[in-house]
Amino acid sequence: MGSGPRLHNNKGRSTNAERFVYVPHFLLRSPAWHELSPVAAKILLHVMSLYNGSNNGRLAVSCRVAAQVGHCSKDTGAAALRELVAKGFLEVAMPGGFSRKTPHATEYRVTVHGCDRTNSRASRAFMAWIPPQKNRTRSDPRDSRSDQKDSYGPRATILPGTVLPIVPQGPLSTDQRSDHRDTYNLPEGV
């Protein structure tokens, strides 16, 4: 009856050796996920793909590896890793450095899963992340101080509310008309 390859073993488990990345729906619906940069989301999926079920807390990712995965510069990869830590998707399990004879990368733990290094439960810190409040006004923030400039102080000059127009009495002669250069430099106080 079965001439093709077996898809399941005797216990009913899949014989396909292809691995997959577990990304739960609550992670995809979280505000922190929606605020992630595209490079950071790509690097997070790569770090999650390193997890094999027993090595959380030992997921070593350097900024150069992050740059290769994110197709970006080394500095952008490092900034994306910092963003993932700040938003709670990753936690630093062992900081990397150049203090050893051979440099080593920082080891992370994914907060969706429990830590295999310390046997701690999944913190899911990204669920507690709150996006920063955005300024909903369209005005420049410096305009909020304009009321301080308009206050009456010792040097403030109070001007009359209305200025009456000067209506000439009859036609103006040529000697009564002023040239535009005469009004260019007015004396102070006028």
N, C-alpha and C. Protein backbone atom coordinates (compact mmCIF):
# COMPACT_ATOMS: atom_id res chain seq x y z
N MET A 1 0.82 -1.18 0.00
CA MET A 1 0.00 0.00 0.00
C MET A 1 0.86 1.25 0.00
N GLY A 2 1.93 1.30 0.77
CA GLY A 2 2.76 2.49 0.86
C GLY A 2 4.02 2.33 0.04
N SER A 3 4.01 2.77 -1.18
CA SER A 3 5.20 2.66 -2.00
C SER A 3 6.10 3.89 -1.86
N GLY A 4 5.60 5.01 -1.31
CA GLY A 4 6.39 6.24 -1.15
C GLY A 4 7.15 6.23 0.16
N PRO A 5 7.94 7.29 0.41
CA PRO A 5 8.70 7.36 1.66
C PRO A 5 7.76 7.56 2.85
N ARG A 6 8.19 7.01 3.99
CA ARG A 6 7.37 7.15 5.20
C ARG A 6 7.52 8.57 5.75
N LEU A 7 6.40 9.20 6.08
CA LEU A 7 6.41 10.55 6.62
C LEU A 7 6.46 10.57 8.14
N HIS A 8 6.08 9.41 8.76
CA HIS A 8 6.05 9.33 10.22
C HIS A 8 6.74 8.05 10.66
N ASN A 9 7.34 8.08 11.84
CA ASN A 9 7.96 6.88 12.38
C ASN A 9 6.93 6.06 13.13
N ASN A 10 7.37 5.02 13.84
CA ASN A 10 6.44 4.11 14.54
C ASN A 10 5.67 4.82 15.66
N LYS A 11 6.25 5.88 16.24
CA LYS A 11 5.56 6.61 17.31
C LYS A 11 4.65 7.70 16.77
N GLY A 12 4.61 7.89 15.48
CA GLY A 12 3.75 8.91 14.88
C GLY A 12 4.41 10.26 14.73
N ARG A 13 5.70 10.35 14.99
CA ARG A 13 6.42 11.61 14.86
C ARG A 13 6.92 11.77 13.44
N SER A 14 7.06 13.01 13.05
CA SER A 14 7.50 13.30 11.69
C SER A 14 8.94 12.88 11.49
N THR A 15 9.22 12.33 10.34
CA THR A 15 10.60 11.95 10.01
C THR A 15 11.30 13.07 9.25
N ASN A 16 10.59 14.13 8.95
CA ASN A 16 11.18 15.26 8.25
C ASN A 16 12.12 15.99 9.21
N ALA A 17 13.35 16.17 8.84
CA ALA A 17 14.34 16.79 9.71
C ALA A 17 14.34 18.32 9.62
N GLU A 18 13.47 18.88 8.82
CA GLU A 18 13.43 20.34 8.64
C GLU A 18 12.96 21.01 9.93
N ARG A 19 13.72 22.00 10.40
CA ARG A 19 13.36 22.73 11.61
C ARG A 19 12.49 23.93 11.25
N PHE A 20 11.86 24.50 12.23
CA PHE A 20 11.05 25.69 12.03
C PHE A 20 11.27 26.64 13.19
N VAL A 21 10.82 27.88 13.03
CA VAL A 21 10.95 28.90 14.07
C VAL A 21 9.58 29.11 14.69
N TYR A 22 9.52 28.99 16.00
CA TYR A 22 8.28 29.18 16.74
C TYR A 22 8.10 30.67 17.01
N VAL A 23 7.10 31.28 16.37
CA VAL A 23 6.77 32.69 16.58
C VAL A 23 5.31 32.74 17.02
N PRO A 24 5.04 32.91 18.31
CA PRO A 24 3.65 32.89 18.78
C PRO A 24 2.88 34.15 18.35
N HIS A 25 1.57 34.00 18.28
CA HIS A 25 0.72 35.11 17.85
C HIS A 25 0.76 36.28 18.82
N PHE A 26 0.89 36.03 20.12
CA PHE A 26 0.92 37.14 21.06
C PHE A 26 2.15 38.01 20.84
N LEU A 27 3.24 37.43 20.33
CA LEU A 27 4.42 38.23 20.00
C LEU A 27 4.12 39.11 18.79
N LEU A 28 3.46 38.54 17.79
CA LEU A 28 3.16 39.30 16.57
C LEU A 28 2.12 40.39 16.80
N ARG A 29 1.30 40.26 17.84
CA ARG A 29 0.28 41.27 18.13
C ARG A 29 0.75 42.31 19.15
N SER A 30 1.94 42.15 19.68
CA SER A 30 2.41 43.06 20.73
C SER A 30 2.80 44.42 20.13
N PRO A 31 2.63 45.51 20.90
CA PRO A 31 3.05 46.83 20.42
C PRO A 31 4.55 46.92 20.16
N ALA A 32 5.34 46.17 20.92
CA ALA A 32 6.79 46.20 20.73
C ALA A 32 7.16 45.64 19.35
N TRP A 33 6.46 44.60 18.91
CA TRP A 33 6.73 44.03 17.58
C TRP A 33 6.39 45.03 16.49
N HIS A 34 5.29 45.74 16.65
CA HIS A 34 4.87 46.72 15.64
C HIS A 34 5.81 47.91 15.56
N GLU A 35 6.53 48.20 16.64
CA GLU A 35 7.45 49.32 16.65
C GLU A 35 8.88 48.94 16.27
N LEU A 36 9.12 47.64 16.03
CA LEU A 36 10.48 47.20 15.67
C LEU A 36 10.85 47.71 14.28
N SER A 37 12.12 48.01 14.12
CA SER A 37 12.62 48.35 12.79
C SER A 37 12.70 47.06 11.97
N PRO A 38 12.65 47.15 10.65
CA PRO A 38 12.72 45.93 9.83
C PRO A 38 14.00 45.13 10.04
N VAL A 39 15.12 45.81 10.24
CA VAL A 39 16.38 45.11 10.46
C VAL A 39 16.33 44.36 11.79
N ALA A 40 15.77 44.97 12.82
CA ALA A 40 15.67 44.31 14.13
C ALA A 40 14.75 43.10 14.07
N ALA A 41 13.66 43.19 13.32
CA ALA A 41 12.75 42.05 13.19
C ALA A 41 13.45 40.89 12.48
N LYS A 42 14.23 41.20 11.48
CA LYS A 42 14.96 40.16 10.75
C LYS A 42 15.99 39.50 11.64
N ILE A 43 16.69 40.28 12.45
CA ILE A 43 17.71 39.73 13.34
C ILE A 43 17.06 38.91 14.45
N LEU A 44 15.89 39.34 14.94
CA LEU A 44 15.18 38.57 15.96
C LEU A 44 14.80 37.19 15.42
N LEU A 45 14.31 37.13 14.20
CA LEU A 45 13.95 35.83 13.62
C LEU A 45 15.19 34.96 13.46
N HIS A 46 16.33 35.55 13.14
CA HIS A 46 17.57 34.78 13.05
C HIS A 46 17.97 34.24 14.41
N VAL A 47 17.90 35.06 15.45
CA VAL A 47 18.28 34.60 16.79
C VAL A 47 17.32 33.51 17.24
N MET A 48 16.04 33.66 16.93
CA MET A 48 15.07 32.63 17.31
C MET A 48 15.32 31.33 16.54
N SER A 49 15.86 31.44 15.32
CA SER A 49 16.16 30.22 14.57
C SER A 49 17.37 29.48 15.13
N LEU A 50 18.22 30.16 15.90
CA LEU A 50 19.36 29.51 16.54
C LEU A 50 18.93 28.64 17.72
N TYR A 51 17.77 28.90 18.26
CA TYR A 51 17.28 28.16 19.43
C TYR A 51 16.87 26.76 19.00
N ASN A 52 17.43 25.74 19.67
CA ASN A 52 17.11 24.35 19.31
C ASN A 52 16.30 23.62 20.38
N GLY A 53 15.86 24.33 21.39
CA GLY A 53 15.07 23.72 22.45
C GLY A 53 15.85 23.54 23.74
N SER A 54 17.17 23.65 23.68
CA SER A 54 17.96 23.45 24.90
C SER A 54 19.15 24.40 25.00
N ASN A 55 19.20 25.45 24.18
CA ASN A 55 20.36 26.35 24.23
C ASN A 55 19.98 27.81 24.44
N ASN A 56 18.79 28.09 24.97
CA ASN A 56 18.41 29.48 25.22
C ASN A 56 19.28 30.02 26.36
N GLY A 57 19.87 31.17 26.15
CA GLY A 57 20.84 31.72 27.08
C GLY A 57 22.25 31.54 26.56
N ARG A 58 22.39 30.76 25.51
CA ARG A 58 23.69 30.53 24.87
C ARG A 58 23.63 30.84 23.38
N LEU A 59 22.76 31.75 23.00
CA LEU A 59 22.59 32.13 21.58
C LEU A 59 23.56 33.26 21.28
N ALA A 60 24.70 32.92 20.71
CA ALA A 60 25.76 33.90 20.47
C ALA A 60 25.54 34.60 19.14
N VAL A 61 25.43 35.93 19.21
CA VAL A 61 25.26 36.75 18.00
C VAL A 61 26.15 37.98 18.16
N SER A 62 27.02 38.17 17.20
CA SER A 62 27.86 39.37 17.20
C SER A 62 27.22 40.42 16.30
N CYS A 63 27.73 41.63 16.38
CA CYS A 63 27.17 42.69 15.54
C CYS A 63 27.51 42.44 14.07
N ARG A 64 28.61 41.75 13.81
CA ARG A 64 28.96 41.42 12.41
C ARG A 64 28.02 40.38 11.84
N VAL A 65 27.66 39.38 12.64
CA VAL A 65 26.68 38.38 12.19
C VAL A 65 25.32 39.05 11.99
N ALA A 66 24.96 39.94 12.92
CA ALA A 66 23.70 40.67 12.78
C ALA A 66 23.69 41.52 11.51
N ALA A 67 24.84 42.09 11.16
CA ALA A 67 24.93 42.89 9.94
C ALA A 67 24.77 42.02 8.70
N GLN A 68 25.33 40.81 8.73
CA GLN A 68 25.17 39.91 7.59
C GLN A 68 23.72 39.48 7.44
N VAL A 69 23.07 39.15 8.55
CA VAL A 69 21.68 38.70 8.50
C VAL A 69 20.76 39.83 8.06
N GLY A 70 21.00 41.04 8.58
CA GLY A 70 20.14 42.17 8.28
C GLY A 70 20.49 42.90 7.00
N HIS A 71 21.55 42.46 6.32
CA HIS A 71 22.02 43.12 5.09
C HIS A 71 22.20 44.62 5.34
N CYS A 72 23.00 44.93 6.36
CA CYS A 72 23.21 46.32 6.75
C CYS A 72 24.64 46.46 7.24
N SER A 73 24.97 47.64 7.74
CA SER A 73 26.31 47.88 8.26
C SER A 73 26.44 47.28 9.66
N LYS A 74 27.67 47.21 10.12
CA LYS A 74 27.95 46.66 11.45
C LYS A 74 27.31 47.51 12.54
N ASP A 75 27.35 48.83 12.38
CA ASP A 75 26.76 49.72 13.38
C ASP A 75 25.24 49.59 13.41
N THR A 76 24.61 49.43 12.26
CA THR A 76 23.16 49.25 12.22
C THR A 76 22.77 47.92 12.85
N GLY A 77 23.58 46.88 12.62
CA GLY A 77 23.32 45.59 13.25
C GLY A 77 23.44 45.67 14.77
N ALA A 78 24.44 46.41 15.24
CA ALA A 78 24.60 46.59 16.69
C ALA A 78 23.45 47.40 17.27
N ALA A 79 22.99 48.41 16.54
CA ALA A 79 21.86 49.21 17.00
C ALA A 79 20.58 48.37 17.04
N ALA A 80 20.43 47.46 16.08
CA ALA A 80 19.25 46.60 16.08
C ALA A 80 19.27 45.64 17.26
N LEU A 81 20.45 45.10 17.61
CA LEU A 81 20.54 44.25 18.79
C LEU A 81 20.21 45.03 20.07
N ARG A 82 20.69 46.27 20.15
CA ARG A 82 20.35 47.11 21.31
C ARG A 82 18.84 47.38 21.36
N GLU A 83 18.24 47.59 20.20
CA GLU A 83 16.79 47.82 20.14
C GLU A 83 16.03 46.58 20.63
N LEU A 84 16.47 45.39 20.24
CA LEU A 84 15.81 44.16 20.68
C LEU A 84 15.92 43.96 22.19
N VAL A 85 17.05 44.35 22.75
CA VAL A 85 17.22 44.25 24.21
C VAL A 85 16.36 45.31 24.90
N ALA A 86 16.33 46.53 24.35
CA ALA A 86 15.57 47.62 24.97
C ALA A 86 14.06 47.34 24.94
N LYS A 87 13.59 46.69 23.90
CA LYS A 87 12.16 46.42 23.80
C LYS A 87 11.76 45.10 24.44
N GLY A 88 12.73 44.34 24.94
CA GLY A 88 12.42 43.16 25.74
C GLY A 88 12.33 41.86 24.97
N PHE A 89 12.73 41.81 23.73
CA PHE A 89 12.70 40.56 22.98
C PHE A 89 13.89 39.67 23.34
N LEU A 90 15.02 40.29 23.61
CA LEU A 90 16.23 39.57 23.99
C LEU A 90 16.74 40.08 25.33
N GLU A 91 17.44 39.22 26.04
CA GLU A 91 18.14 39.61 27.25
C GLU A 91 19.58 39.13 27.13
N VAL A 92 20.51 39.91 27.63
CA VAL A 92 21.92 39.54 27.58
C VAL A 92 22.18 38.51 28.68
N ALA A 93 22.60 37.33 28.28
CA ALA A 93 22.93 36.28 29.24
C ALA A 93 24.39 36.36 29.64
N MET A 94 25.28 36.63 28.67
CA MET A 94 26.71 36.75 28.94
C MET A 94 27.25 37.81 27.99
N PRO A 95 27.71 38.94 28.53
CA PRO A 95 28.23 39.98 27.64
C PRO A 95 29.51 39.52 26.94
N GLY A 96 29.63 39.91 25.70
CA GLY A 96 30.82 39.58 24.93
C GLY A 96 31.91 40.60 25.16
N GLY A 97 33.05 40.34 24.61
CA GLY A 97 34.14 41.29 24.77
C GLY A 97 35.43 40.78 24.17
N PHE A 98 36.43 41.63 24.28
CA PHE A 98 37.75 41.31 23.76
C PHE A 98 38.74 41.10 24.90
N SER A 99 38.23 40.82 26.09
CA SER A 99 39.12 40.67 27.25
C SER A 99 39.78 39.29 27.27
N ARG A 100 39.21 38.33 26.59
CA ARG A 100 39.82 37.00 26.51
C ARG A 100 40.91 36.98 25.44
N LYS A 101 41.61 35.88 25.40
CA LYS A 101 42.63 35.74 24.37
C LYS A 101 41.97 35.69 22.99
N THR A 102 40.84 35.01 22.92
CA THR A 102 40.06 35.00 21.68
C THR A 102 38.76 35.76 21.96
N PRO A 103 38.41 36.73 21.14
CA PRO A 103 37.18 37.49 21.38
C PRO A 103 35.95 36.59 21.25
N HIS A 104 34.95 36.91 22.02
CA HIS A 104 33.71 36.14 21.96
C HIS A 104 32.52 37.08 21.84
N ALA A 105 31.46 36.59 21.22
CA ALA A 105 30.26 37.39 20.99
C ALA A 105 29.37 37.36 22.23
N THR A 106 28.48 38.33 22.30
CA THR A 106 27.51 38.37 23.39
C THR A 106 26.52 37.22 23.23
N GLU A 107 26.19 36.57 24.34
CA GLU A 107 25.22 35.48 24.32
C GLU A 107 23.89 36.01 24.84
N TYR A 108 22.84 35.72 24.10
CA TYR A 108 21.51 36.23 24.40
C TYR A 108 20.58 35.10 24.79
N ARG A 109 19.46 35.48 25.43
CA ARG A 109 18.34 34.57 25.63
C ARG A 109 17.11 35.22 25.03
N VAL A 110 16.28 34.43 24.38
CA VAL A 110 15.03 34.91 23.81
C VAL A 110 14.00 34.87 24.93
N THR A 111 13.28 35.97 25.17
CA THR A 111 12.39 36.05 26.33
C THR A 111 11.08 35.29 26.12
N VAL A 112 10.83 34.80 24.93
CA VAL A 112 9.62 33.99 24.68
C VAL A 112 9.76 32.63 25.35
N HIS A 113 10.99 32.11 25.43
CA HIS A 113 11.25 30.79 26.00
C HIS A 113 11.96 30.93 27.34
N GLY A 114 11.87 29.91 28.15
CA GLY A 114 12.60 29.88 29.40
C GLY A 114 14.09 29.75 29.15
N CYS A 115 14.87 30.22 30.10
CA CYS A 115 16.33 30.19 29.94
C CYS A 115 16.85 28.81 30.35
N ASP A 116 17.63 28.21 29.46
CA ASP A 116 18.22 26.90 29.74
C ASP A 116 19.50 27.03 30.54
N ARG A 117 20.08 28.20 30.59
CA ARG A 117 21.32 28.41 31.34
C ARG A 117 21.01 28.57 32.83
N THR A 118 19.96 29.34 33.16
CA THR A 118 19.63 29.60 34.57
C THR A 118 18.36 28.89 35.03
N ASN A 119 17.70 28.17 34.14
CA ASN A 119 16.42 27.49 34.42
C ASN A 119 15.34 28.46 34.89
N SER A 120 15.41 29.71 34.42
CA SER A 120 14.36 30.67 34.77
C SER A 120 13.24 30.60 33.74
N ARG A 121 12.08 31.06 34.14
CA ARG A 121 10.92 31.03 33.26
C ARG A 121 11.02 32.12 32.21
N ALA A 122 10.19 32.00 31.19
CA ALA A 122 10.16 33.00 30.13
C ALA A 122 9.65 34.31 30.70
N SER A 123 10.39 35.39 30.49
CA SER A 123 10.00 36.68 31.08
C SER A 123 8.98 37.42 30.20
N ARG A 124 9.07 37.23 28.89
CA ARG A 124 8.18 37.92 27.94
C ARG A 124 8.14 39.42 28.23
N ALA A 125 9.30 39.99 28.41
CA ALA A 125 9.42 41.40 28.78
C ALA A 125 8.88 42.32 27.70
N PHE A 126 8.84 41.88 26.47
CA PHE A 126 8.32 42.72 25.38
C PHE A 126 6.84 43.00 25.54
N MET A 127 6.12 42.15 26.28
CA MET A 127 4.69 42.39 26.50
C MET A 127 4.46 43.57 27.44
N ALA A 128 5.42 43.90 28.28
CA ALA A 128 5.29 45.03 29.20
C ALA A 128 5.80 46.33 28.59
N TRP A 129 6.41 46.26 27.41
CA TRP A 129 6.96 47.46 26.78
C TRP A 129 5.81 48.35 26.33
N ILE A 130 5.92 49.64 26.64
CA ILE A 130 4.90 50.62 26.27
C ILE A 130 5.52 51.60 25.29
N PRO A 131 4.87 51.84 24.15
CA PRO A 131 5.45 52.80 23.20
C PRO A 131 5.47 54.19 23.80
N PRO A 132 6.47 55.00 23.45
CA PRO A 132 6.52 56.36 23.98
C PRO A 132 5.37 57.20 23.42
N GLN A 133 4.91 58.12 24.25
CA GLN A 133 3.81 59.00 23.82
C GLN A 133 4.31 59.94 22.75
N LYS A 134 3.56 60.05 21.70
CA LYS A 134 3.93 60.95 20.62
C LYS A 134 3.23 62.28 20.83
N ASN A 135 3.91 63.36 20.47
CA ASN A 135 3.34 64.69 20.59
C ASN A 135 2.26 64.83 19.52
N ARG A 136 1.03 64.99 19.94
CA ARG A 136 -0.08 65.01 19.00
C ARG A 136 -0.35 66.39 18.41
N THR A 137 0.32 67.42 18.91
CA THR A 137 0.09 68.75 18.37
C THR A 137 0.94 68.95 17.14
N ARG A 138 0.50 69.82 16.29
CA ARG A 138 1.24 70.09 15.07
C ARG A 138 2.19 71.27 15.22
N SER A 139 2.08 71.98 16.31
CA SER A 139 2.93 73.15 16.49
C SER A 139 4.32 72.74 16.95
N ASP A 140 5.23 73.62 16.76
CA ASP A 140 6.60 73.39 17.17
C ASP A 140 6.66 73.46 18.69
N PRO A 141 7.42 72.58 19.35
CA PRO A 141 7.48 72.62 20.82
C PRO A 141 8.02 73.93 21.36
N ARG A 142 8.79 74.65 20.56
CA ARG A 142 9.30 75.94 21.04
C ARG A 142 8.19 76.98 21.12
N ASP A 143 7.08 76.76 20.38
CA ASP A 143 5.98 77.71 20.42
C ASP A 143 5.24 77.68 21.75
N SER A 144 5.40 76.65 22.53
CA SER A 144 4.70 76.57 23.81
C SER A 144 5.22 77.61 24.79
N ARG A 145 6.39 78.15 24.54
CA ARG A 145 6.95 79.16 25.43
C ARG A 145 6.62 80.58 24.97
N SER A 146 5.80 80.72 23.96
CA SER A 146 5.52 82.06 23.44
C SER A 146 4.74 82.90 24.45
N ASP A 147 3.98 82.24 25.34
CA ASP A 147 3.25 83.02 26.34
C ASP A 147 4.21 83.71 27.31
N GLN A 148 5.39 83.13 27.53
CA GLN A 148 6.36 83.76 28.41
C GLN A 148 6.95 85.01 27.78
N LYS A 149 7.09 85.00 26.45
CA LYS A 149 7.64 86.16 25.77
C LYS A 149 6.64 87.31 25.74
N ASP A 150 5.35 86.98 25.74
CA ASP A 150 4.32 88.00 25.62
C ASP A 150 3.93 88.62 26.96
N SER A 151 4.47 88.11 28.05
CA SER A 151 4.07 88.64 29.35
C SER A 151 4.60 90.06 29.53
N TYR A 152 3.87 90.81 30.31
CA TYR A 152 4.25 92.20 30.54
C TYR A 152 5.36 92.25 31.58
N GLY A 153 6.48 92.77 31.19
CA GLY A 153 7.62 92.88 32.09
C GLY A 153 8.04 94.33 32.20
N PRO A 154 9.16 94.59 32.83
CA PRO A 154 9.60 95.97 33.00
C PRO A 154 9.98 96.63 31.67
N ARG A 155 10.41 95.83 30.68
CA ARG A 155 10.81 96.41 29.41
C ARG A 155 9.71 96.31 28.37
N ALA A 156 8.56 95.81 28.74
CA ALA A 156 7.49 95.65 27.76
C ALA A 156 6.88 97.00 27.43
N THR A 157 6.55 97.19 26.17
CA THR A 157 5.92 98.42 25.71
C THR A 157 4.47 98.13 25.40
N ILE A 158 3.58 98.90 25.96
CA ILE A 158 2.17 98.72 25.71
C ILE A 158 1.77 99.62 24.55
N LEU A 159 1.31 99.00 23.49
CA LEU A 159 0.89 99.75 22.31
C LEU A 159 -0.61 99.92 22.32
N PRO A 160 -1.11 100.98 21.68
CA PRO A 160 -2.57 101.15 21.63
C PRO A 160 -3.19 100.02 20.81
N GLY A 161 -4.44 99.71 21.11
CA GLY A 161 -5.14 98.62 20.45
C GLY A 161 -5.40 98.89 18.98
N THR A 162 -5.72 100.13 18.62
CA THR A 162 -6.00 100.44 17.22
C THR A 162 -5.21 101.68 16.83
N VAL A 163 -4.91 101.77 15.57
CA VAL A 163 -4.22 102.92 15.03
C VAL A 163 -5.14 103.55 14.01
N LEU A 164 -5.42 104.83 14.20
CA LEU A 164 -6.30 105.51 13.27
C LEU A 164 -5.54 105.87 12.00
N PRO A 165 -6.16 105.68 10.86
CA PRO A 165 -5.47 106.04 9.62
C PRO A 165 -5.39 107.55 9.46
N ILE A 166 -4.36 107.99 8.79
CA ILE A 166 -4.21 109.41 8.48
C ILE A 166 -4.87 109.64 7.13
N VAL A 167 -5.87 110.47 7.16
CA VAL A 167 -6.59 110.77 5.93
C VAL A 167 -6.14 112.14 5.46
N PRO A 168 -5.57 112.23 4.28
CA PRO A 168 -5.13 113.54 3.81
C PRO A 168 -6.32 114.46 3.55
N GLN A 169 -6.13 115.72 3.81
CA GLN A 169 -7.16 116.74 3.56
C GLN A 169 -6.88 117.36 2.20
N GLY A 170 -7.43 116.82 1.17
CA GLY A 170 -7.22 117.35 -0.17
C GLY A 170 -6.06 116.68 -0.87
N PRO A 171 -5.78 117.11 -2.10
CA PRO A 171 -4.69 116.49 -2.85
C PRO A 171 -3.32 116.90 -2.29
N LEU A 172 -2.35 115.98 -2.41
CA LEU A 172 -1.00 116.24 -1.92
C LEU A 172 -0.18 116.89 -3.02
N SER A 173 0.60 117.89 -2.64
CA SER A 173 1.52 118.51 -3.60
C SER A 173 2.79 117.68 -3.66
N THR A 174 3.65 117.95 -4.62
CA THR A 174 4.87 117.18 -4.77
C THR A 174 5.82 117.36 -3.60
N ASP A 175 5.82 118.51 -2.95
CA ASP A 175 6.70 118.71 -1.80
C ASP A 175 6.14 118.03 -0.55
N GLN A 176 4.82 117.72 -0.52
CA GLN A 176 4.25 117.03 0.63
C GLN A 176 4.43 115.52 0.54
N ARG A 177 4.62 115.01 -0.66
CA ARG A 177 4.81 113.56 -0.81
C ARG A 177 6.21 113.18 -0.33
N SER A 178 6.29 112.05 0.32
CA SER A 178 7.60 111.62 0.80
C SER A 178 8.16 110.56 -0.15
N ASP A 179 9.45 110.63 -0.29
CA ASP A 179 10.13 109.64 -1.10
C ASP A 179 10.29 108.37 -0.27
N HIS A 180 10.39 107.21 -0.90
CA HIS A 180 10.50 105.96 -0.16
C HIS A 180 11.80 105.91 0.65
N ARG A 181 12.83 106.64 0.22
CA ARG A 181 14.09 106.64 0.96
C ARG A 181 13.97 107.43 2.27
N ASP A 182 13.01 108.33 2.34
CA ASP A 182 12.85 109.12 3.57
C ASP A 182 12.30 108.27 4.71
N THR A 183 11.53 107.24 4.40
CA THR A 183 10.94 106.41 5.46
C THR A 183 11.78 105.19 5.79
N TYR A 184 12.88 105.05 5.12
CA TYR A 184 13.72 103.87 5.35
C TYR A 184 14.34 103.91 6.72
N ASN A 185 14.91 105.00 7.14
CA ASN A 185 15.56 105.12 8.45
C ASN A 185 14.73 106.04 9.32
N LEU A 186 13.87 105.46 10.12
CA LEU A 186 13.07 106.25 11.04
C LEU A 186 13.82 106.37 12.34
N PRO A 187 13.72 107.52 13.00
CA PRO A 187 14.37 107.65 14.31
C PRO A 187 13.68 106.74 15.33
N GLU A 188 14.42 106.36 16.39
CA GLU A 188 13.83 105.50 17.41
C GLU A 188 12.75 106.24 18.17
N GLY A 189 11.77 105.46 18.61
CA GLY A 189 10.68 106.02 19.39
C GLY A 189 9.54 106.51 18.52
N VAL A 190 9.64 106.41 17.21
CA VAL A 190 8.55 106.88 16.36
C VAL A 190 7.80 105.71 15.82
